[in-house]
Amino acid sequence: MGRLTLIDPDEVCLSNLQRQILHATDAAGTAKTASAARRLYALNPSVRINTVHRRLTPENAVSLLEGCDLVLDASDNYAARFAMADAACTLRIPLVYGAVKGFIGQVAVFAPHQGTACYRCLFPADTPMQEKDTASAAGILGAHAGIIGCIQAMEALKYLAGIPSPLVGAMLSADTRRMRFTTIPLAPNPACRCRTNAGCGAAMKN
């Protein structure tokens, strides 16, 4: 990866380090984007990193993601997920989605500009969702989050390298308590706005 844009409004917190291993204890209280950039530059001084210490919203998502080749969703709230997914759809770039709760994890690659389902095909706006269901509220084992994150990274690398993947247009459901992994095909929803808005040509909002 030659260029990275890191978007996060939060600061490093000691209680999160068991699953956010890019940071260290001496970074507590500093912006996560700055902490992550320092660590990544130490690994590869040649990488170009753009840090955005702001919350991604429906109003700024398109401008923040414009120029990117792929989006990795590592957010922990539904508002950011919808905003990110809508912007990726509008910009016609793939979205590598990942989510964790307890011992359950999900990974999918949404590329509606290539005919796959989008995030809203799977989770329409009227889907009942509670923030208490997110990893930040429900808690998560660091190793489990690491497994899902590594799968997301693998899918991003494969997509950018042009390597076919069964998760483009499908979702991997991972149960790490029982170590069961299931791939579920995702059909596009004909009524979804990713189909009715001329192939994601217009921004979509909740």
C-alpha atoms as a PDB file:
ATOM      1  CA  MET A   1       0.000   0.000   0.000  1.00  0.00           C
ATOM      2  CA  GLY A   2       1.574   3.261  -1.087  1.00  0.00           C
ATOM      3  CA  ARG A   3      -1.079   5.675   0.172  1.00  0.00           C
ATOM      4  CA  LEU A   4      -3.322   5.474   3.232  1.00  0.00           C
ATOM      5  CA  THR A   5      -5.996   7.792   4.600  1.00  0.00           C
ATOM      6  CA  LEU A   6      -6.745   7.229   8.294  1.00  0.00           C
ATOM      7  CA  ILE A   7     -10.040   8.674   9.561  1.00  0.00           C
ATOM      8  CA  ASP A   8     -10.871   8.571  13.276  1.00  0.00           C
ATOM      9  CA  PRO A   9     -12.159  11.199  15.725  1.00  0.00           C
ATOM     10  CA  ASP A  10     -11.039   9.361  18.874  1.00  0.00           C
ATOM     11  CA  GLU A  11      -7.987   9.300  21.106  1.00  0.00           C
ATOM     12  CA  VAL A  12      -5.990   6.278  22.222  1.00  0.00           C
ATOM     13  CA  CYS A  13      -7.493   4.709  25.345  1.00  0.00           C
ATOM     14  CA  LEU A  14      -5.692   2.134  27.500  1.00  0.00           C
ATOM     15  CA  SER A  15      -8.800  -0.037  27.827  1.00  0.00           C
ATOM     16  CA  ASN A  16      -8.852  -0.586  24.039  1.00  0.00           C
ATOM     17  CA  LEU A  17      -5.241  -1.645  23.536  1.00  0.00           C
ATOM     18  CA  GLN A  18      -5.974  -5.368  23.847  1.00  0.00           C
ATOM     19  CA  ARG A  19      -7.717  -5.145  20.470  1.00  0.00           C
ATOM     20  CA  GLN A  20      -6.151  -2.027  18.960  1.00  0.00           C
ATOM     21  CA  ILE A  21      -2.565  -3.240  18.877  1.00  0.00           C
ATOM     22  CA  LEU A  22      -1.357  -0.601  16.425  1.00  0.00           C
ATOM     23  CA  HIS A  23      -1.158   1.733  19.446  1.00  0.00           C
ATOM     24  CA  ALA A  24       0.914   1.514  22.645  1.00  0.00           C
ATOM     25  CA  THR A  25       0.525   2.689  26.232  1.00  0.00           C
ATOM     26  CA  ASP A  26       2.725   5.757  25.689  1.00  0.00           C
ATOM     27  CA  ALA A  27       0.226   6.999  23.078  1.00  0.00           C
ATOM     28  CA  ALA A  28      -2.681   7.166  25.542  1.00  0.00           C
ATOM     29  CA  GLY A  29      -4.568  10.427  25.193  1.00  0.00           C
ATOM     30  CA  THR A  30      -3.201  11.230  21.730  1.00  0.00           C
ATOM     31  CA  ALA A  31      -5.177  11.147  18.495  1.00  0.00           C
ATOM     32  CA  LYS A  32      -5.499   7.628  17.127  1.00  0.00           C
ATOM     33  CA  THR A  33      -4.724   8.861  13.636  1.00  0.00           C
ATOM     34  CA  ALA A  34      -1.443  10.424  14.770  1.00  0.00           C
ATOM     35  CA  SER A  35      -0.490   7.361  16.820  1.00  0.00           C
ATOM     36  CA  ALA A  36      -1.275   5.017  13.925  1.00  0.00           C
ATOM     37  CA  ALA A  37       0.670   7.163  11.454  1.00  0.00           C
ATOM     38  CA  ARG A  38       3.780   7.144  13.679  1.00  0.00           C
ATOM     39  CA  ARG A  39       3.687   3.351  13.948  1.00  0.00           C
ATOM     40  CA  LEU A  40       3.122   2.865  10.228  1.00  0.00           C
ATOM     41  CA  TYR A  41       5.923   5.265   9.288  1.00  0.00           C
ATOM     42  CA  ALA A  42       8.220   3.256  11.575  1.00  0.00           C
ATOM     43  CA  LEU A  43       7.281   0.126   9.633  1.00  0.00           C
ATOM     44  CA  ASN A  44       7.541   1.748   6.201  1.00  0.00           C
ATOM     45  CA  PRO A  45       8.958   5.284   5.899  1.00  0.00           C
ATOM     46  CA  SER A  46       8.023   5.379   2.199  1.00  0.00           C
ATOM     47  CA  VAL A  47       4.262   5.159   2.757  1.00  0.00           C
ATOM     48  CA  ARG A  48       2.198   8.331   2.267  1.00  0.00           C
ATOM     49  CA  ILE A  49      -0.356   8.829   5.049  1.00  0.00           C
ATOM     50  CA  ASN A  50      -3.166  11.366   5.242  1.00  0.00           C
ATOM     51  CA  THR A  51      -4.621  11.669   8.758  1.00  0.00           C
ATOM     52  CA  VAL A  52      -8.121  13.009   9.387  1.00  0.00           C
ATOM     53  CA  HIS A  53      -8.909  13.545  13.078  1.00  0.00           C
ATOM     54  CA  ARG A  54     -12.636  14.025  12.434  1.00  0.00           C
ATOM     55  CA  ARG A  55     -15.809  11.984  12.612  1.00  0.00           C
ATOM     56  CA  LEU A  56     -16.959  10.600   9.272  1.00  0.00           C
ATOM     57  CA  THR A  57     -20.546  11.751   8.618  1.00  0.00           C
ATOM     58  CA  PRO A  58     -23.038  11.687   5.722  1.00  0.00           C
ATOM     59  CA  GLU A  59     -22.082  15.305   5.040  1.00  0.00           C
ATOM     60  CA  ASN A  60     -18.317  14.799   4.729  1.00  0.00           C
ATOM     61  CA  ALA A  61     -17.926  11.118   3.792  1.00  0.00           C
ATOM     62  CA  VAL A  62     -17.741  11.613   0.025  1.00  0.00           C
ATOM     63  CA  SER A  63     -15.126  14.382   0.239  1.00  0.00           C
ATOM     64  CA  LEU A  64     -13.036  12.403   2.753  1.00  0.00           C
ATOM     65  CA  LEU A  65     -13.023   9.209   0.668  1.00  0.00           C
ATOM     66  CA  GLU A  66     -12.690  10.808  -2.745  1.00  0.00           C
ATOM     67  CA  GLY A  67      -9.499   9.674  -4.465  1.00  0.00           C
ATOM     68  CA  CYS A  68      -9.274   6.398  -2.543  1.00  0.00           C
ATOM     69  CA  ASP A  69      -9.180   3.072  -4.401  1.00  0.00           C
ATOM     70  CA  LEU A  70     -10.828   1.028  -1.641  1.00  0.00           C
ATOM     71  CA  VAL A  71     -12.452   1.596   1.755  1.00  0.00           C
ATOM     72  CA  LEU A  72     -11.906  -0.524   4.860  1.00  0.00           C
ATOM     73  CA  ASP A  73     -14.728  -0.245   7.381  1.00  0.00           C
ATOM     74  CA  ALA A  74     -13.287  -0.610  10.884  1.00  0.00           C
ATOM     75  CA  SER A  75     -15.915   1.596  12.544  1.00  0.00           C
ATOM     76  CA  ASP A  76     -17.830   0.761  15.703  1.00  0.00           C
ATOM     77  CA  ASN A  77     -21.154   2.548  15.160  1.00  0.00           C
ATOM     78  CA  TYR A  78     -23.972   2.281  12.652  1.00  0.00           C
ATOM     79  CA  ALA A  79     -24.046   5.955  11.658  1.00  0.00           C
ATOM     80  CA  ALA A  80     -20.447   5.779  10.434  1.00  0.00           C
ATOM     81  CA  ARG A  81     -21.075   2.455   8.680  1.00  0.00           C
ATOM     82  CA  PHE A  82     -24.005   3.822   6.682  1.00  0.00           C
ATOM     83  CA  ALA A  83     -22.160   7.043   5.821  1.00  0.00           C
ATOM     84  CA  MET A  84     -19.082   5.119   4.708  1.00  0.00           C
ATOM     85  CA  ALA A  85     -21.065   2.602   2.684  1.00  0.00           C
ATOM     86  CA  ASP A  86     -23.099   5.313   0.955  1.00  0.00           C
ATOM     87  CA  ALA A  87     -19.984   7.309   0.075  1.00  0.00           C
ATOM     88  CA  ALA A  88     -18.204   4.232  -1.296  1.00  0.00           C
ATOM     89  CA  CYS A  89     -21.267   3.467  -3.390  1.00  0.00           C
ATOM     90  CA  THR A  90     -21.466   7.024  -4.685  1.00  0.00           C
ATOM     91  CA  LEU A  91     -17.753   7.057  -5.547  1.00  0.00           C
ATOM     92  CA  ARG A  92     -17.980   3.594  -7.123  1.00  0.00           C
ATOM     93  CA  ILE A  93     -15.218   2.077  -5.024  1.00  0.00           C
ATOM     94  CA  PRO A  94     -15.307  -1.234  -3.119  1.00  0.00           C
ATOM     95  CA  LEU A  95     -15.998  -1.411   0.606  1.00  0.00           C
ATOM     96  CA  VAL A  96     -14.439  -4.144   2.749  1.00  0.00           C
ATOM     97  CA  TYR A  97     -16.825  -4.473   5.689  1.00  0.00           C
ATOM     98  CA  GLY A  98     -15.972  -6.065   9.013  1.00  0.00           C
ATOM     99  CA  ALA A  99     -17.892  -6.343  12.266  1.00  0.00           C
ATOM    100  CA  VAL A 100     -17.406  -8.192  15.551  1.00  0.00           C
ATOM    101  CA  LYS A 101     -19.507  -8.977  18.604  1.00  0.00           C
ATOM    102  CA  GLY A 102     -18.747 -11.617  21.200  1.00  0.00           C
ATOM    103  CA  PHE A 103     -17.331 -14.589  19.308  1.00  0.00           C
ATOM    104  CA  ILE A 104     -19.161 -13.735  16.062  1.00  0.00           C
ATOM    105  CA  GLY A 105     -17.535 -11.826  13.220  1.00  0.00           C
ATOM    106  CA  GLN A 106     -18.536 -10.816   9.707  1.00  0.00           C
ATOM    107  CA  VAL A 107     -16.533  -9.826   6.641  1.00  0.00           C
ATOM    108  CA  ALA A 108     -17.907  -8.892   3.210  1.00  0.00           C
ATOM    109  CA  VAL A 109     -16.753  -7.042   0.121  1.00  0.00           C
ATOM    110  CA  PHE A 110     -19.425  -4.725  -1.273  1.00  0.00           C
ATOM    111  CA  ALA A 111     -18.900  -3.551  -4.862  1.00  0.00           C
ATOM    112  CA  PRO A 112     -22.350  -2.496  -6.151  1.00  0.00           C
ATOM    113  CA  HIS A 113     -20.714  -0.699  -9.112  1.00  0.00           C
ATOM    114  CA  GLN A 114     -19.750  -4.209 -10.229  1.00  0.00           C
ATOM    115  CA  GLY A 115     -23.215  -5.666  -9.628  1.00  0.00           C
ATOM    116  CA  THR A 116     -22.890  -6.931  -6.051  1.00  0.00           C
ATOM    117  CA  ALA A 117     -25.109  -6.099  -3.104  1.00  0.00           C
ATOM    118  CA  CYS A 118     -24.291  -2.978  -1.087  1.00  0.00           C
ATOM    119  CA  TYR A 119     -24.348  -2.525   2.697  1.00  0.00           C
ATOM    120  CA  ARG A 120     -27.913  -1.196   2.544  1.00  0.00           C
ATOM    121  CA  CYS A 121     -29.043  -4.267   0.592  1.00  0.00           C
ATOM    122  CA  LEU A 122     -28.052  -6.277   3.661  1.00  0.00           C
ATOM    123  CA  PHE A 123     -29.109  -3.721   6.282  1.00  0.00           C
ATOM    124  CA  PRO A 124     -31.912  -1.434   5.010  1.00  0.00           C
ATOM    125  CA  ALA A 125     -32.409   1.889   6.794  1.00  0.00           C
ATOM    126  CA  ASP A 126     -35.425   0.534   8.681  1.00  0.00           C
ATOM    127  CA  THR A 127     -33.514  -2.459  10.102  1.00  0.00           C
ATOM    128  CA  PRO A 128     -33.765  -2.370  13.925  1.00  0.00           C
ATOM    129  CA  MET A 129     -30.242  -1.666  15.216  1.00  0.00           C
ATOM    130  CA  GLN A 130     -28.985  -0.796  18.664  1.00  0.00           C
ATOM    131  CA  GLU A 131     -25.596   0.702  19.494  1.00  0.00           C
ATOM    132  CA  LYS A 132     -25.451  -1.696  22.468  1.00  0.00           C
ATOM    133  CA  ASP A 133     -24.910  -4.425  19.874  1.00  0.00           C
ATOM    134  CA  THR A 134     -21.607  -2.950  18.682  1.00  0.00           C
ATOM    135  CA  ALA A 135     -18.216  -4.212  19.839  1.00  0.00           C
ATOM    136  CA  SER A 136     -17.422  -0.988  21.685  1.00  0.00           C
ATOM    137  CA  ALA A 137     -20.531  -1.426  23.842  1.00  0.00           C
ATOM    138  CA  ALA A 138     -20.731  -5.213  24.117  1.00  0.00           C
ATOM    139  CA  GLY A 139     -17.013  -5.883  24.532  1.00  0.00           C
ATOM    140  CA  ILE A 140     -14.729  -8.041  22.415  1.00  0.00           C
ATOM    141  CA  LEU A 141     -11.728 -10.328  22.808  1.00  0.00           C
ATOM    142  CA  GLY A 142      -8.668  -8.819  21.173  1.00  0.00           C
ATOM    143  CA  ALA A 143      -7.681 -12.042  19.405  1.00  0.00           C
ATOM    144  CA  HIS A 144     -11.143 -12.331  17.836  1.00  0.00           C
ATOM    145  CA  ALA A 145     -11.010  -8.760  16.536  1.00  0.00           C
ATOM    146  CA  GLY A 146      -7.542  -9.519  15.179  1.00  0.00           C
ATOM    147  CA  ILE A 147      -8.804 -12.520  13.188  1.00  0.00           C
ATOM    148  CA  ILE A 148     -11.568 -10.484  11.554  1.00  0.00           C
ATOM    149  CA  GLY A 149      -9.219  -7.568  10.906  1.00  0.00           C
ATOM    150  CA  CYS A 150      -6.659  -9.842   9.232  1.00  0.00           C
ATOM    151  CA  ILE A 151      -9.357 -11.293   6.981  1.00  0.00           C
ATOM    152  CA  GLN A 152     -10.394  -7.760   6.029  1.00  0.00           C
ATOM    153  CA  ALA A 153      -6.775  -6.894   5.223  1.00  0.00           C
ATOM    154  CA  MET A 154      -6.443 -10.027   3.093  1.00  0.00           C
ATOM    155  CA  GLU A 155      -9.615  -9.170   1.169  1.00  0.00           C
ATOM    156  CA  ALA A 156      -8.386  -5.612   0.567  1.00  0.00           C
ATOM    157  CA  LEU A 157      -5.040  -6.838  -0.758  1.00  0.00           C
ATOM    158  CA  LYS A 158      -6.687  -9.438  -2.984  1.00  0.00           C
ATOM    159  CA  TYR A 159      -9.118  -6.928  -4.454  1.00  0.00           C
ATOM    160  CA  LEU A 160      -6.438  -4.347  -5.193  1.00  0.00           C
ATOM    161  CA  ALA A 161      -4.179  -7.019  -6.706  1.00  0.00           C
ATOM    162  CA  GLY A 162      -6.985  -8.323  -8.926  1.00  0.00           C
ATOM    163  CA  ILE A 163      -7.122 -11.704  -7.187  1.00  0.00           C
ATOM    164  CA  PRO A 164     -10.679 -13.168  -7.295  1.00  0.00           C
ATOM    165  CA  SER A 165     -12.376 -13.733  -3.945  1.00  0.00           C
ATOM    166  CA  PRO A 166     -15.575 -15.539  -2.952  1.00  0.00           C
ATOM    167  CA  LEU A 167     -16.333 -12.666  -0.553  1.00  0.00           C
ATOM    168  CA  VAL A 168     -16.961 -10.151  -3.356  1.00  0.00           C
ATOM    169  CA  GLY A 169     -20.747 -10.166  -3.152  1.00  0.00           C
ATOM    170  CA  ALA A 170     -20.848 -12.570  -0.198  1.00  0.00           C
ATOM    171  CA  MET A 171     -20.409 -12.469   3.573  1.00  0.00           C
ATOM    172  CA  LEU A 172     -18.151 -14.605   5.723  1.00  0.00           C
ATOM    173  CA  SER A 173     -19.701 -15.408   9.098  1.00  0.00           C
ATOM    174  CA  ALA A 174     -17.070 -16.489  11.619  1.00  0.00           C
ATOM    175  CA  ASP A 175     -17.858 -18.175  14.932  1.00  0.00           C
ATOM    176  CA  THR A 176     -14.484 -18.268  16.677  1.00  0.00           C
ATOM    177  CA  ARG A 177     -15.833 -20.011  19.771  1.00  0.00           C
ATOM    178  CA  ARG A 178     -16.600 -23.108  17.681  1.00  0.00           C
ATOM    179  CA  MET A 179     -14.179 -22.200  14.854  1.00  0.00           C
ATOM    180  CA  ARG A 180     -16.909 -22.420  12.234  1.00  0.00           C
ATOM    181  CA  PHE A 181     -16.686 -20.288   9.104  1.00  0.00           C
ATOM    182  CA  THR A 182     -19.594 -19.977   6.675  1.00  0.00           C
ATOM    183  CA  THR A 183     -19.775 -18.019   3.414  1.00  0.00           C
ATOM    184  CA  ILE A 184     -23.244 -16.646   2.633  1.00  0.00           C
ATOM    185  CA  PRO A 185     -24.065 -15.316  -0.870  1.00  0.00           C
ATOM    186  CA  LEU A 186     -25.627 -11.834  -0.848  1.00  0.00           C
ATOM    187  CA  ALA A 187     -28.101 -10.991  -3.580  1.00  0.00           C
ATOM    188  CA  PRO A 188     -28.611  -7.306  -4.468  1.00  0.00           C
ATOM    189  CA  ASN A 189     -31.951  -5.884  -3.373  1.00  0.00           C
ATOM    190  CA  PRO A 190     -33.746  -4.580  -6.517  1.00  0.00           C
ATOM    191  CA  ALA A 191     -35.502  -1.947  -4.376  1.00  0.00           C
ATOM    192  CA  CYS A 192     -32.278  -0.663  -2.793  1.00  0.00           C
ATOM    193  CA  ARG A 193     -31.103   2.840  -3.611  1.00  0.00           C
ATOM    194  CA  CYS A 194     -27.854   1.420  -4.990  1.00  0.00           C
ATOM    195  CA  ARG A 195     -30.033   0.089  -7.857  1.00  0.00           C
ATOM    196  CA  THR A 196     -32.506   2.936  -8.161  1.00  0.00           C
ATOM    197  CA  ASN A 197     -29.937   5.766  -8.013  1.00  0.00           C
ATOM    198  CA  ALA A 198     -28.393   5.011 -11.394  1.00  0.00           C
ATOM    199  CA  GLY A 199     -25.711   2.708 -10.051  1.00  0.00           C
ATOM    200  CA  CYS A 200     -24.816   4.798  -7.030  1.00  0.00           C
ATOM    201  CA  GLY A 201     -24.469   7.981  -9.010  1.00  0.00           C
ATOM    202  CA  ALA A 202     -26.074  10.094  -6.299  1.00  0.00           C
ATOM    203  CA  ALA A 203     -25.286  10.380  -2.621  1.00  0.00           C
ATOM    204  CA  MET A 204     -27.567   8.447  -0.315  1.00  0.00           C
ATOM    205  CA  LYS A 205     -28.471   9.480   3.214  1.00  0.00           C
ATOM    206  CA  ASN A 206     -30.518   8.040   6.064  1.00  0.00           C
END
